Protein backbone atom coordinates (compact mmCIF):
# COMPACT_ATOMS: atom_id res chain seq x y z
CA MET A 1 -40.99 22.93 -41.78
CA THR A 2 -39.92 25.92 -39.74
CA GLU A 3 -39.82 29.46 -41.10
CA HIS A 4 -36.01 29.48 -40.99
CA SER A 5 -35.74 26.34 -43.16
CA TYR A 6 -37.36 27.87 -46.24
CA PRO A 7 -35.00 29.07 -48.96
CA LYS A 8 -34.89 32.69 -50.12
CA THR A 9 -38.41 33.22 -51.45
CA LEU A 10 -40.07 35.91 -53.55
CA VAL A 11 -43.85 36.15 -53.81
CA ILE A 12 -44.74 37.64 -57.21
CA ILE A 13 -48.04 39.53 -57.39
CA PRO A 14 -49.11 40.87 -60.80
CA ALA A 15 -51.58 43.67 -60.14
CA LEU A 16 -53.74 45.88 -62.32
CA ASN A 17 -56.04 48.28 -60.45
CA GLU A 18 -56.21 46.16 -57.29
CA SER A 19 -56.35 49.05 -54.81
CA GLU A 20 -59.38 47.49 -53.09
CA SER A 21 -57.58 44.26 -52.27
CA ILE A 22 -53.79 44.62 -52.45
CA ALA A 23 -53.24 45.76 -48.84
CA ARG A 24 -55.20 42.79 -47.48
CA VAL A 25 -53.35 40.34 -49.73
CA ILE A 26 -49.95 41.68 -48.64
CA ALA A 27 -50.97 41.60 -44.97
CA GLN A 28 -51.97 37.95 -45.26
CA ILE A 29 -48.69 37.04 -46.95
CA HIS A 30 -46.79 38.79 -44.15
CA GLU A 31 -48.85 36.76 -41.67
CA HIS A 32 -48.53 33.33 -43.27
CA ALA A 33 -45.20 33.58 -45.14
CA ALA A 34 -43.27 36.09 -43.07
CA TRP A 35 -39.90 34.82 -44.36
CA ALA A 36 -40.78 35.74 -47.97
CA ASP A 37 -40.20 39.01 -49.80
CA ILE A 38 -43.09 40.38 -51.86
CA ALA A 39 -42.80 41.97 -55.30
CA VAL A 40 -45.92 43.65 -56.66
CA ILE A 41 -45.72 44.11 -60.42
CA ASN A 42 -47.83 47.23 -60.90
CA ASP A 43 -49.01 46.66 -64.44
CA GLY A 44 -49.98 50.16 -65.54
CA SER A 45 -52.61 50.66 -62.82
CA THR A 46 -54.57 53.89 -62.96
CA ASP A 47 -55.51 53.70 -59.27
CA ALA A 48 -53.36 53.70 -56.14
CA THR A 49 -52.29 50.03 -56.32
CA GLY A 50 -48.57 50.83 -56.44
CA GLU A 51 -48.64 53.39 -53.66
CA ILE A 52 -50.66 51.14 -51.37
CA ALA A 53 -48.37 48.16 -52.01
CA ALA A 54 -45.27 50.23 -51.25
CA SER A 55 -46.83 51.53 -48.02
CA CYS A 56 -47.46 47.91 -46.98
CA GLY A 57 -43.77 47.02 -47.33
CA ALA A 58 -43.78 45.34 -50.74
CA ILE A 59 -41.18 45.81 -53.45
CA VAL A 60 -43.04 47.58 -56.25
CA LEU A 61 -41.97 47.19 -59.88
CA ASN A 62 -43.87 49.73 -61.95
CA MET A 63 -44.49 48.84 -65.59
CA PRO A 64 -44.56 51.86 -67.94
CA TYR A 65 -47.99 50.82 -69.22
CA ASN A 66 -50.30 47.80 -69.14
CA VAL A 67 -48.14 45.02 -70.60
CA GLY A 68 -50.42 42.10 -69.65
CA ILE A 69 -50.18 39.40 -67.02
CA GLY A 70 -47.61 37.28 -68.87
CA ALA A 71 -45.05 40.08 -69.22
CA ALA A 72 -45.80 41.29 -65.70
CA VAL A 73 -45.15 37.86 -64.20
CA GLN A 74 -41.99 37.44 -66.29
CA THR A 75 -40.78 40.75 -64.84
CA GLY A 76 -41.17 39.18 -61.41
CA PHE A 77 -39.19 36.13 -62.50
CA LEU A 78 -36.45 38.37 -63.94
CA TYR A 79 -36.21 40.25 -60.66
CA ALA A 80 -36.08 36.96 -58.72
CA ALA A 81 -33.40 35.46 -60.96
CA ARG A 82 -31.20 38.55 -60.81
CA SER A 83 -31.65 38.97 -57.05
CA GLY A 84 -30.65 35.45 -56.07
CA TYR A 85 -34.02 34.04 -55.01
CA GLN A 86 -34.20 30.26 -54.87
CA VAL A 87 -38.00 29.97 -54.91
CA THR A 88 -40.86 32.04 -56.29
CA VAL A 89 -44.55 31.91 -55.51
CA GLN A 90 -47.11 33.45 -57.86
CA ASN A 91 -50.05 34.93 -55.96
CA ASP A 92 -52.88 36.99 -57.43
CA GLY A 93 -53.57 40.47 -56.11
CA ASP A 94 -57.36 40.10 -55.99
CA GLY A 95 -57.59 37.83 -52.96
CA GLN A 96 -58.59 34.60 -54.72
CA HIS A 97 -55.42 32.81 -53.66
CA ASN A 98 -55.11 32.01 -49.98
CA PRO A 99 -51.66 33.02 -48.63
CA ALA A 100 -52.16 30.60 -45.73
CA GLU A 101 -51.54 27.85 -48.29
CA ILE A 102 -48.20 29.20 -49.52
CA PRO A 103 -46.36 26.89 -47.07
CA LEU A 104 -48.27 23.93 -48.55
CA LEU A 105 -46.96 24.76 -52.03
CA LEU A 106 -43.42 25.18 -50.73
CA ASP A 107 -43.47 22.03 -48.61
CA GLU A 108 -44.45 20.02 -51.70
CA LEU A 109 -41.83 21.79 -53.83
CA LEU A 110 -39.07 21.20 -51.30
CA LYS A 111 -39.65 17.45 -51.31
CA GLY A 112 -37.54 17.59 -54.46
CA GLU A 113 -39.99 15.66 -56.61
CA ALA A 114 -41.26 18.65 -58.60
CA ASP A 115 -39.85 21.84 -60.10
CA VAL A 116 -43.24 23.58 -60.16
CA VAL A 117 -46.18 23.02 -57.82
CA ILE A 118 -49.61 24.29 -58.87
CA GLY A 119 -52.49 24.91 -56.50
CA SER A 120 -55.59 23.32 -58.05
CA ARG A 121 -59.22 24.22 -57.35
CA TYR A 122 -60.49 20.94 -58.79
CA ILE A 123 -58.63 18.04 -57.15
CA GLU A 124 -61.05 18.33 -54.24
CA ASP A 125 -64.42 20.03 -54.02
CA ARG A 126 -63.85 22.84 -51.55
CA GLY A 127 -66.83 24.94 -52.53
CA TYR A 128 -65.24 27.13 -55.22
CA VAL A 129 -67.88 27.82 -57.89
CA THR A 130 -66.75 28.31 -61.49
CA PRO A 131 -69.29 29.56 -64.06
CA LYS A 132 -70.52 26.58 -66.08
CA LEU A 133 -69.25 27.74 -69.48
CA ARG A 134 -65.83 28.56 -68.08
CA ARG A 135 -65.65 25.26 -66.18
CA PHE A 136 -66.51 23.37 -69.36
CA GLY A 137 -63.68 25.13 -71.17
CA ILE A 138 -61.21 24.42 -68.37
CA VAL A 139 -62.09 20.71 -68.45
CA ILE A 140 -61.44 20.56 -72.20
CA LEU A 141 -58.18 22.50 -71.82
CA ALA A 142 -57.07 20.30 -68.92
CA ASN A 143 -57.72 17.15 -70.94
CA ILE A 144 -55.73 18.45 -73.91
CA ILE A 145 -52.78 19.53 -71.75
CA SER A 146 -52.85 16.25 -69.82
CA LYS A 147 -52.62 14.30 -73.09
CA LEU A 148 -49.82 16.52 -74.44
CA THR A 149 -47.76 16.28 -71.26
CA GLY A 150 -48.64 12.86 -69.93
CA GLU A 151 -49.39 14.52 -66.58
CA ASN A 152 -52.77 14.61 -64.84
CA ILE A 153 -53.41 18.37 -64.94
CA THR A 154 -56.75 19.46 -63.47
CA ASP A 155 -56.37 23.25 -63.23
CA PRO A 156 -54.11 24.60 -66.00
CA THR A 157 -55.40 28.16 -65.61
CA SER A 158 -54.44 28.40 -61.92
CA GLY A 159 -51.91 31.16 -61.29
CA PHE A 160 -51.16 30.00 -57.73
CA ARG A 161 -47.78 28.32 -58.20
CA ALA A 162 -44.40 27.74 -56.59
CA SER A 163 -41.25 27.35 -58.70
CA ASN A 164 -37.73 26.29 -57.81
CA ARG A 165 -34.56 27.94 -59.12
CA ARG A 166 -34.43 25.88 -62.34
CA ALA A 167 -38.02 26.74 -63.22
CA LEU A 168 -37.84 30.41 -62.29
CA SER A 169 -34.61 30.86 -64.26
CA LEU A 170 -36.28 29.40 -67.35
CA CYS A 171 -39.37 31.57 -66.86
CA ALA A 172 -37.16 34.64 -66.53
CA ARG A 173 -35.81 33.93 -70.03
CA LEU A 174 -38.90 32.52 -71.71
CA TYR A 175 -42.44 33.03 -70.49
CA PRO A 176 -45.67 33.01 -72.51
CA HIS A 177 -47.31 36.42 -72.72
CA ASP A 178 -50.68 35.69 -74.32
CA TYR A 179 -52.10 32.84 -72.16
CA PRO A 180 -49.32 32.35 -69.63
CA GLU A 181 -50.70 29.85 -67.14
CA PRO A 182 -51.72 27.00 -69.49
CA GLU A 183 -48.99 27.69 -72.04
CA ALA A 184 -46.36 27.67 -69.29
CA VAL A 185 -47.44 24.19 -68.16
CA VAL A 186 -46.70 22.81 -71.61
CA MET A 187 -43.49 24.83 -72.00
CA LEU A 188 -42.12 23.68 -68.64
CA HIS A 189 -42.98 20.05 -69.31
CA ARG A 190 -41.33 20.09 -72.75
CA ALA A 191 -38.22 21.57 -71.13
CA GLY A 192 -38.02 18.48 -68.90
CA LEU A 193 -39.24 20.10 -65.70
CA ARG A 194 -41.51 18.22 -63.32
CA ILE A 195 -44.97 19.59 -62.49
CA ARG A 196 -47.23 18.59 -59.61
CA GLU A 197 -50.64 19.79 -58.45
CA ILE A 198 -51.95 19.92 -54.90
CA PRO A 199 -55.48 20.81 -53.74
CA VAL A 200 -56.02 24.36 -52.50
CA THR A 201 -58.94 26.51 -51.44
CA MET A 202 -59.65 29.59 -53.52
CA ASN A 203 -61.78 32.54 -52.49
CA PRO A 204 -64.04 35.04 -54.26
CA ARG A 205 -62.29 38.25 -55.29
CA TYR A 206 -61.95 40.87 -52.54
CA GLY A 207 -62.81 43.59 -55.06
CA GLY A 208 -62.64 44.66 -58.70
CA GLN A 209 -63.79 42.74 -61.75
CA SER A 210 -62.28 39.76 -63.54
CA SER A 211 -61.24 40.42 -67.13
CA ILE A 212 -62.57 36.99 -68.16
CA THR A 213 -66.37 37.16 -68.39
CA PRO A 214 -68.52 34.09 -69.11
CA LEU A 215 -69.03 35.29 -72.70
CA ARG A 216 -65.28 35.59 -73.23
CA SER A 217 -64.51 32.17 -71.74
CA GLY A 218 -65.26 30.16 -74.89
CA TYR A 219 -63.29 32.55 -77.08
CA TYR A 220 -60.40 32.45 -74.62
CA MET A 221 -60.29 28.64 -74.59
CA VAL A 222 -60.26 28.36 -78.40
CA LYS A 223 -57.40 30.84 -78.64
CA VAL A 224 -55.35 29.27 -75.88
CA ILE A 225 -55.71 25.79 -77.39
CA LEU A 226 -54.49 27.14 -80.74
CA ALA A 227 -51.59 28.91 -79.02
CA ILE A 228 -50.56 25.68 -77.27
CA LEU A 229 -50.73 23.63 -80.47
CA ILE A 230 -48.66 26.21 -82.33
CA GLY A 231 -46.19 26.22 -79.44
CA MET A 232 -45.76 22.47 -79.85
CA LEU A 233 -44.19 23.17 -83.25
CA ARG A 234 -41.33 25.11 -81.65
CA ARG A 235 -38.21 23.54 -80.23
CA PRO A 236 -38.42 22.76 -76.51
CA ALA A 237 -36.78 25.29 -74.21
CA VAL A 238 -33.43 24.42 -72.65
CA VAL A 239 -33.07 24.62 -68.88
CA ASP A 240 -29.88 26.13 -67.45
CA GLY A 241 -28.08 24.40 -64.62
CA PRO A 242 -28.27 20.89 -63.13
């Protein structure tokens, strides 16, 4: 697909203190997805993340304080919905997601067989190493979500995703704040939206530290499973539009 055939696209980057990596991430998106606009959601950073992103040509949405990744990403969806974007791509600001693979997500999305396409680290072995305790938790979480949705989900915690207009409009109205990636998979499925995974290659962080340490992984997985089960008790979300 040529650059001119892609619909109006917004790349959403939630960022908290990513001054070491944000310029490189934006440069790679400009290189590999030049047709797309970039919105950096500066989530209460105490470093120069926002200033660097603005100097690199990104739209910068500054949160008044650290609201968390779920609310930050929903802010990006709100901006996309109100600004007439047809497609969004979620891309982390730490360099783990490879912007060269954004066209792969969009090409799969634009086949019309899915409303959300997730880039998975685990469909193929491409050398990405996950700490053993965290990997064990992800396998359990993936099995639970696969059973709840009837879909074969291998990487429910991946934040590398492309969404069409129906999905982004729903996420602008309703988006999980506590454990957004896995909870959103269940929410989207229950709303009748179609989810697909494709294999992608993920990289080590360019800089900074992950907030999820090996010791926190088990605690995180227990809480997210409880959050998903509680969410199953709520009425499914309703999608606007055809």
